[in-house]
Amino acid sequence: MFTISLNNIQSWILAKNFFIEYFLLDSIQTPWHFLIAPFFYMFLIHYLKIEKQSRNILKLIVPVFLVLIFIRLGFFNFFSDKQADNFLYIFEKYTLIEEIISLVVSLSVFGYSYYILTKKEDLFDKILTYDNLKWVYTFFKLGAFTYIFWISAVSITVYLNFQEFIYSYYPLRVLTTVLIYWIGYQSIFQLKVINERKYIRNQIQSKPSNVHPNVLKEDASSLKASDDTLNIPATIIERVLTELELIEKEKRYISENIKVSLLAAKLNTNANYLSKIINHYQNTSFSNYLNNLKIHNIVHQLEINPLIRKFTIKAIAHEAGFNNSDSFSKVFFKVKGLKPSQYIRELNQKENTF
């Protein structure tokens, strides 16, 4: 964000001709664009908590960046007559060469960053439990558009032979400005959500409770009766109920993607038997049963911990065991008859009343 901002501010100052009377200030431009991708790479590996397993490319990039600046200074010392007719043309050609080098390096770092994100998931599996990184993937898509605009601007500059080429960079400046605000918002928001999720998860794990409707194993005579009713062997019923007890006790319904077919295979039975047992003991479908457990669990946390009520619905939804806020809100409304925000508001009002 910082380097993109500096690059855009510098371009704006030059476009406004603020230093047109001071040739040196008007021409000595710092190639901030050279640092944008490397800084994003460093942000990425630190956000993913894999900096110790990754290369610190700034140790290579920063010296090259400084060398480019000194080369520009040497360029002016070499041309003693700053008003030479062909000087500006030569200077623009040098600037383009410098920019092409920056573009190639930037694309390489950007591509390597994407490679890490897509091929090295085993290194940052911990962060994936808090953030699915969709916003990072979106940034890469926006970044790809940015590079297309940058390549187009450079190509137009060459085509126009450095005459009135500045306008070809305007779309690039607009897009990078959008990126500044977008990644700034996303970074702050995602960090807030992650911290909230960590707190909620710690509370859930440190304060186990039996607030959800338990599936209890029955005695042998009851199981025999169930066998007659369901036409399912008592041993299978007992095995299923034992597994459901563990799912509830260990709160595996929060973090695991439990499906009827997978659970049935694990218990060496079939999905039809499993569904029948759930319907018999819980009077609902398997998916509704799991959703009820998730909602009852997070409702309990909201009731006993006022701090969680101040958190974002996104953080609450994910730690309740849902993939997104919309599905969480729909299920919550189905179970409690209120939207999560309404339920939280009612809880706060009740506390204030007392």
Protein backbone atom coordinates (compact mmCIF):
# COMPACT_ATOMS: atom_id res chain seq x y z
CA MET A 1 0.00 0.00 0.00
CA PHE A 2 2.79 2.38 0.94
CA THR A 3 4.86 1.85 -2.20
CA ILE A 4 1.82 1.98 -4.51
CA SER A 5 0.80 5.25 -2.83
CA LEU A 6 4.29 6.75 -3.22
CA ASN A 7 4.39 5.69 -6.87
CA ASN A 8 0.99 7.27 -7.60
CA ILE A 9 1.78 10.48 -5.69
CA GLN A 10 5.04 10.84 -7.60
CA SER A 11 3.22 10.33 -10.92
CA TRP A 12 0.61 12.91 -9.94
CA ILE A 13 3.28 15.48 -9.01
CA LEU A 14 5.06 14.95 -12.31
CA ALA A 15 1.79 15.14 -14.28
CA LYS A 16 1.01 18.49 -12.59
CA ASN A 17 4.49 19.80 -13.50
CA PHE A 18 5.13 20.96 -9.94
CA PHE A 19 8.91 20.81 -10.47
CA ILE A 20 9.06 21.82 -14.12
CA GLU A 21 11.35 24.73 -13.25
CA TYR A 22 13.69 22.41 -11.36
CA PHE A 23 14.94 20.00 -13.99
CA LEU A 24 16.71 17.69 -11.57
CA LEU A 25 13.67 17.29 -9.30
CA ASP A 26 11.41 16.85 -12.30
CA SER A 27 13.55 14.07 -13.78
CA ILE A 28 15.00 12.14 -10.84
CA GLN A 29 12.10 9.79 -10.24
CA THR A 30 12.30 7.08 -7.62
CA PRO A 31 11.27 3.70 -9.14
CA TRP A 32 8.85 2.81 -6.35
CA HIS A 33 7.10 0.33 -8.65
CA PHE A 34 10.18 -1.88 -8.31
CA LEU A 35 9.27 -2.55 -4.65
CA ILE A 36 5.51 -3.17 -4.93
CA ALA A 37 5.56 -6.91 -5.70
CA PRO A 38 8.47 -7.71 -3.32
CA PHE A 39 6.70 -5.95 -0.45
CA PHE A 40 3.49 -7.82 -1.23
CA TYR A 41 5.47 -11.07 -1.22
CA MET A 42 6.87 -10.24 2.22
CA PHE A 43 3.39 -9.38 3.48
CA LEU A 44 2.06 -12.67 2.13
CA ILE A 45 4.66 -14.93 3.76
CA HIS A 46 4.27 -13.12 7.10
CA TYR A 47 0.47 -13.29 6.92
CA LEU A 48 0.71 -17.02 6.19
CA LYS A 49 3.26 -17.41 9.02
CA ILE A 50 5.80 -19.08 6.72
CA GLU A 51 8.52 -16.42 6.73
CA LYS A 52 11.03 -18.82 8.35
CA GLN A 53 10.52 -21.35 5.53
CA SER A 54 10.60 -18.71 2.76
CA ARG A 55 13.23 -16.60 1.06
CA ASN A 56 13.69 -13.01 2.18
CA ILE A 57 13.89 -11.50 -1.30
CA LEU A 58 14.21 -7.96 0.08
CA LYS A 59 17.86 -8.72 0.80
CA LEU A 60 18.31 -8.90 -2.97
CA ILE A 61 15.68 -6.42 -4.14
CA VAL A 62 16.54 -3.43 -1.92
CA PRO A 63 20.22 -3.28 -3.03
CA VAL A 64 19.11 -3.45 -6.68
CA PHE A 65 16.57 -0.69 -5.96
CA LEU A 66 19.32 1.51 -4.51
CA VAL A 67 21.59 0.75 -7.47
CA LEU A 68 18.87 1.95 -9.86
CA ILE A 69 18.65 5.24 -7.99
CA PHE A 70 22.44 5.74 -8.15
CA ILE A 71 22.42 4.92 -11.85
CA ARG A 72 19.90 7.73 -12.40
CA LEU A 73 22.14 10.13 -10.50
CA GLY A 74 25.14 9.01 -12.53
CA PHE A 75 23.13 9.49 -15.71
CA PHE A 76 22.87 13.22 -14.97
CA ASN A 77 26.52 13.53 -14.06
CA PHE A 78 27.45 11.91 -17.36
CA PHE A 79 25.40 14.46 -19.35
CA SER A 80 26.90 17.76 -18.30
CA ASP A 81 24.74 19.74 -20.75
CA LYS A 82 21.25 19.12 -19.38
CA GLN A 83 19.63 21.07 -22.23
CA ALA A 84 20.99 18.90 -25.01
CA ASP A 85 18.35 18.34 -27.70
CA ASN A 86 18.42 14.57 -27.50
CA PHE A 87 18.84 14.36 -23.74
CA LEU A 88 15.14 14.07 -22.87
CA TYR A 89 14.65 11.45 -25.54
CA ILE A 90 17.63 9.42 -24.24
CA PHE A 91 16.42 9.85 -20.68
CA GLU A 92 12.94 8.58 -21.55
CA LYS A 93 14.45 5.55 -23.27
CA TYR A 94 16.55 4.81 -20.21
CA THR A 95 13.48 5.20 -17.96
CA LEU A 96 11.59 2.74 -20.16
CA ILE A 97 14.43 0.20 -19.93
CA GLU A 98 14.42 0.62 -16.16
CA GLU A 99 10.64 0.16 -16.09
CA ILE A 100 10.80 -2.98 -18.23
CA ILE A 101 13.35 -4.45 -15.82
CA SER A 102 11.03 -3.54 -12.96
CA LEU A 103 8.07 -5.09 -14.78
CA VAL A 104 9.90 -8.37 -15.40
CA VAL A 105 11.11 -8.58 -11.79
CA SER A 106 7.68 -7.65 -10.47
CA LEU A 107 5.92 -10.26 -12.62
CA SER A 108 8.41 -12.89 -11.49
CA VAL A 109 7.89 -12.11 -7.80
CA PHE A 110 4.13 -11.93 -8.30
CA GLY A 111 4.13 -15.30 -10.05
CA TYR A 112 6.30 -16.85 -7.35
CA SER A 113 3.94 -15.51 -4.68
CA TYR A 114 1.01 -17.14 -6.46
CA TYR A 115 2.98 -20.39 -6.67
CA ILE A 116 3.50 -20.34 -2.89
CA LEU A 117 -0.19 -19.69 -2.28
CA THR A 118 -1.40 -22.51 -4.53
CA LYS A 119 1.34 -25.14 -4.15
CA LYS A 120 2.54 -24.76 -0.56
CA GLU A 121 -0.68 -25.13 1.41
CA ASP A 122 0.92 -27.72 3.68
CA LEU A 123 3.17 -24.96 5.04
CA PHE A 124 0.35 -22.68 6.15
CA ASP A 125 -2.45 -25.09 7.04
CA LYS A 126 -2.91 -23.34 10.39
CA ILE A 127 -4.01 -20.03 8.86
CA LEU A 128 -6.48 -21.93 6.66
CA THR A 129 -8.42 -22.88 9.78
CA TYR A 130 -9.15 -19.18 10.28
CA ASP A 131 -9.09 -17.74 6.76
CA ASN A 132 -9.96 -19.45 3.45
CA LEU A 133 -7.80 -16.80 1.72
CA LYS A 134 -10.45 -16.00 -0.89
CA TRP A 135 -9.64 -12.30 -0.52
CA VAL A 136 -5.96 -13.03 -1.29
CA TYR A 137 -6.96 -14.93 -4.44
CA THR A 138 -9.16 -11.96 -5.41
CA PHE A 139 -6.15 -9.69 -4.97
CA PHE A 140 -4.17 -11.86 -7.36
CA LYS A 141 -6.95 -11.52 -9.94
CA LEU A 142 -6.94 -7.73 -9.55
CA GLY A 143 -3.15 -7.81 -9.64
CA ALA A 144 -3.23 -9.69 -12.95
CA PHE A 145 -5.43 -6.93 -14.42
CA THR A 146 -2.96 -4.37 -13.10
CA TYR A 147 -0.09 -6.04 -14.92
CA ILE A 148 -2.12 -6.14 -18.14
CA PHE A 149 -2.66 -2.37 -17.81
CA TRP A 150 1.02 -1.85 -17.02
CA ILE A 151 2.19 -3.89 -20.02
CA SER A 152 -0.28 -1.97 -22.20
CA ALA A 153 1.04 1.39 -20.95
CA VAL A 154 4.64 0.40 -21.67
CA SER A 155 3.69 -0.87 -25.15
CA ILE A 156 1.82 2.35 -25.97
CA THR A 157 4.81 4.39 -24.81
CA VAL A 158 7.06 2.57 -27.26
CA TYR A 159 4.47 2.84 -30.04
CA LEU A 160 4.13 6.61 -29.56
CA ASN A 161 7.91 7.00 -29.46
CA PHE A 162 7.69 8.70 -26.03
CA GLN A 163 5.37 11.44 -27.27
CA GLU A 164 2.24 12.19 -25.15
CA PHE A 165 2.51 8.74 -23.61
CA ILE A 166 1.60 9.87 -20.08
CA TYR A 167 -2.14 9.38 -20.78
CA SER A 168 -1.60 5.66 -21.33
CA TYR A 169 -0.77 5.37 -17.62
CA TYR A 170 -4.00 6.94 -16.34
CA PRO A 171 -6.03 3.67 -16.30
CA LEU A 172 -3.14 2.02 -14.45
CA ARG A 173 -3.15 4.79 -11.83
CA VAL A 174 -6.90 4.43 -11.31
CA LEU A 175 -6.67 0.66 -10.87
CA THR A 176 -3.74 0.88 -8.45
CA THR A 177 -5.62 3.49 -6.43
CA VAL A 178 -8.56 1.08 -6.16
CA LEU A 179 -6.08 -1.61 -5.04
CA ILE A 180 -4.76 0.64 -2.28
CA TYR A 181 -8.20 1.06 -0.71
CA TRP A 182 -9.27 -2.53 -1.35
CA ILE A 183 -6.25 -4.31 0.09
CA GLY A 184 -6.13 -1.83 2.98
CA TYR A 185 -9.72 -2.58 3.93
CA GLN A 186 -9.36 -6.32 3.41
CA SER A 187 -6.15 -6.56 5.43
CA ILE A 188 -7.60 -4.70 8.41
CA PHE A 189 -10.95 -6.50 8.23
CA GLN A 190 -9.43 -9.98 7.82
CA LEU A 191 -7.02 -9.42 10.69
CA LYS A 192 -9.95 -8.36 12.87
CA VAL A 193 -11.95 -11.45 11.88
CA ILE A 194 -9.01 -13.79 12.52
CA ASN A 195 -8.41 -12.37 16.00
CA GLU A 196 -12.10 -12.70 16.79
CA ARG A 197 -12.19 -16.28 15.53
CA LYS A 198 -9.18 -17.19 17.64
CA TYR A 199 -10.88 -15.81 20.73
CA ILE A 200 -14.19 -17.59 20.04
CA ARG A 201 -12.44 -20.89 19.31
CA ASN A 202 -10.44 -20.62 22.52
CA GLN A 203 -13.64 -20.00 24.49
CA ILE A 204 -15.41 -22.96 22.90
CA GLN A 205 -12.48 -25.30 23.52
CA SER A 206 -11.75 -24.13 27.05
CA LYS A 207 -15.36 -24.15 28.25
CA PRO A 208 -17.01 -27.37 27.10
CA SER A 209 -20.73 -27.58 27.69
CA ASN A 210 -23.66 -29.89 27.01
CA VAL A 211 -26.07 -27.25 25.80
CA HIS A 212 -27.08 -29.06 22.64
CA PRO A 213 -29.62 -31.88 22.35
CA ASN A 214 -27.65 -35.03 23.12
CA VAL A 215 -28.18 -38.35 21.42
CA LEU A 216 -28.04 -40.82 24.31
CA LYS A 217 -27.42 -44.53 24.01
CA GLU A 218 -30.23 -46.60 25.33
CA ASP A 219 -30.18 -49.89 27.20
CA ALA A 220 -30.38 -53.24 25.47
CA SER A 221 -34.16 -53.55 25.77
CA SER A 222 -34.70 -50.12 24.24
CA LEU A 223 -32.32 -50.93 21.42
CA LYS A 224 -34.22 -54.16 20.81
CA ALA A 225 -37.43 -52.14 20.59
CA SER A 226 -35.75 -49.75 18.18
CA ASP A 227 -34.58 -52.75 16.18
CA ASP A 228 -38.20 -53.82 15.79
CA THR A 229 -39.36 -50.29 14.89
CA LEU A 230 -36.56 -49.41 12.48
CA ASN A 231 -35.81 -52.90 11.23
CA ILE A 232 -32.12 -52.20 11.83
CA PRO A 233 -29.77 -54.49 13.81
CA ALA A 234 -29.28 -53.29 17.40
CA THR A 235 -25.49 -53.45 17.01
CA ILE A 236 -25.62 -50.91 14.18
CA ILE A 237 -27.90 -48.60 16.19
CA GLU A 238 -25.56 -48.75 19.16
CA ARG A 239 -22.52 -48.09 16.95
CA VAL A 240 -24.18 -45.07 15.36
CA LEU A 241 -25.37 -43.59 18.65
CA THR A 242 -21.92 -44.02 20.16
CA GLU A 243 -20.37 -42.14 17.24
CA LEU A 244 -22.94 -39.35 17.49
CA GLU A 245 -22.18 -38.97 21.17
CA LEU A 246 -18.51 -38.49 20.32
CA ILE A 247 -19.36 -35.96 17.61
CA GLU A 248 -21.35 -33.95 20.15
CA LYS A 249 -18.89 -34.31 23.03
CA GLU A 250 -15.82 -33.43 20.93
CA LYS A 251 -17.77 -30.79 18.95
CA ARG A 252 -16.53 -32.27 15.70
CA TYR A 253 -19.58 -30.79 13.97
CA ILE A 254 -17.81 -27.42 14.09
CA SER A 255 -14.58 -28.19 12.25
CA GLU A 256 -15.31 -31.37 10.30
CA ASN A 257 -17.27 -31.64 7.08
CA ILE A 258 -19.43 -34.55 8.24
CA LYS A 259 -21.51 -36.18 5.51
CA VAL A 260 -23.97 -39.05 5.76
CA SER A 261 -22.13 -41.18 3.20
CA LEU A 262 -18.70 -40.68 4.81
CA LEU A 263 -19.97 -41.32 8.32
CA ALA A 264 -21.86 -44.41 7.21
CA ALA A 265 -18.74 -45.79 5.55
CA LYS A 266 -16.74 -45.12 8.69
CA LEU A 267 -19.28 -47.02 10.79
CA ASN A 268 -19.43 -49.86 8.28
CA THR A 269 -23.11 -49.36 7.57
CA ASN A 270 -25.14 -47.61 4.86
CA ALA A 271 -26.41 -44.06 4.57
CA ASN A 272 -30.05 -45.18 4.61
CA TYR A 273 -29.66 -46.85 8.03
CA LEU A 274 -27.84 -43.81 9.40
CA SER A 275 -30.54 -41.42 8.19
CA LYS A 276 -33.28 -43.59 9.67
CA ILE A 277 -31.57 -43.66 13.07
CA ILE A 278 -31.16 -39.86 13.10
CA ASN A 279 -34.77 -39.33 12.07
CA HIS A 280 -35.95 -41.75 14.78
CA TYR A 281 -33.93 -40.29 17.67
CA GLN A 282 -33.86 -36.60 16.66
CA ASN A 283 -37.01 -36.32 14.55
CA THR A 284 -35.09 -34.45 11.86
CA SER A 285 -32.67 -35.00 8.97
CA PHE A 286 -28.93 -35.51 9.44
CA SER A 287 -28.04 -32.05 8.09
CA ASN A 288 -30.63 -30.37 10.33
CA TYR A 289 -29.30 -32.34 13.29
CA LEU A 290 -25.76 -31.03 12.71
CA ASN A 291 -27.01 -27.48 12.14
CA ASN A 292 -28.99 -27.61 15.38
CA LEU A 293 -25.84 -28.63 17.25
CA LYS A 294 -23.89 -25.75 15.68
CA ILE A 295 -26.54 -23.14 16.49
CA HIS A 296 -27.16 -24.35 20.07
CA ASN A 297 -23.43 -24.30 20.73
CA ILE A 298 -22.79 -20.77 19.44
CA VAL A 299 -25.97 -19.46 21.11
CA HIS A 300 -24.61 -20.71 24.42
CA GLN A 301 -21.37 -18.80 23.80
CA LEU A 302 -23.30 -15.63 22.98
CA GLU A 303 -25.34 -15.98 26.15
CA ILE A 304 -22.41 -16.44 28.53
CA ASN A 305 -19.87 -14.12 26.87
CA PRO A 306 -20.96 -10.53 26.08
CA LEU A 307 -17.65 -9.81 24.33
CA ILE A 308 -18.44 -12.26 21.51
CA ARG A 309 -21.63 -10.32 20.80
CA LYS A 310 -19.48 -7.39 19.69
CA PHE A 311 -17.68 -9.48 17.07
CA THR A 312 -18.46 -9.58 13.36
CA ILE A 313 -21.15 -12.00 12.19
CA LYS A 314 -18.56 -13.44 9.81
CA ALA A 315 -16.27 -14.48 12.67
CA ILE A 316 -19.18 -15.89 14.68
CA ALA A 317 -20.53 -17.78 11.66
CA HIS A 318 -17.22 -19.45 10.81
CA GLU A 319 -16.52 -20.48 14.40
CA ALA A 320 -20.06 -21.84 14.64
CA GLY A 321 -19.11 -24.20 11.82
CA PHE A 322 -20.60 -22.48 8.74
CA ASN A 323 -18.81 -21.58 5.52
CA ASN A 324 -20.31 -18.11 5.24
CA SER A 325 -22.47 -15.56 7.01
CA ASP A 326 -25.51 -16.04 4.77
CA SER A 327 -25.92 -19.76 5.44
CA PHE A 328 -25.35 -19.14 9.14
CA SER A 329 -28.03 -16.44 9.27
CA LYS A 330 -30.56 -18.64 7.43
CA VAL A 331 -30.03 -21.62 9.74
CA PHE A 332 -29.96 -19.38 12.82
CA PHE A 333 -33.30 -17.85 11.84
CA LYS A 334 -34.75 -21.31 11.21
CA VAL A 335 -33.69 -22.54 14.67
CA LYS A 336 -34.19 -19.41 16.80
CA GLY A 337 -36.77 -17.45 14.79
CA LEU A 338 -34.48 -14.40 14.72
CA LYS A 339 -31.52 -13.19 12.72
CA PRO A 340 -28.18 -13.39 14.61
CA SER A 341 -27.96 -9.59 14.89
CA GLN A 342 -31.52 -9.43 16.27
CA TYR A 343 -30.83 -12.19 18.78
CA ILE A 344 -27.65 -10.43 19.96
CA ARG A 345 -29.57 -7.18 20.30
CA GLU A 346 -32.19 -8.89 22.44
CA LEU A 347 -29.53 -10.45 24.67
CA ASN A 348 -27.92 -7.04 25.21
CA GLN A 349 -31.29 -5.45 25.98
CA LYS A 350 -32.09 -8.12 28.55
CA GLU A 351 -28.75 -7.60 30.28
CA ASN A 352 -29.22 -3.83 30.32
CA THR A 353 -32.70 -4.29 31.81
CA PHE A 354 -31.33 -6.34 34.69
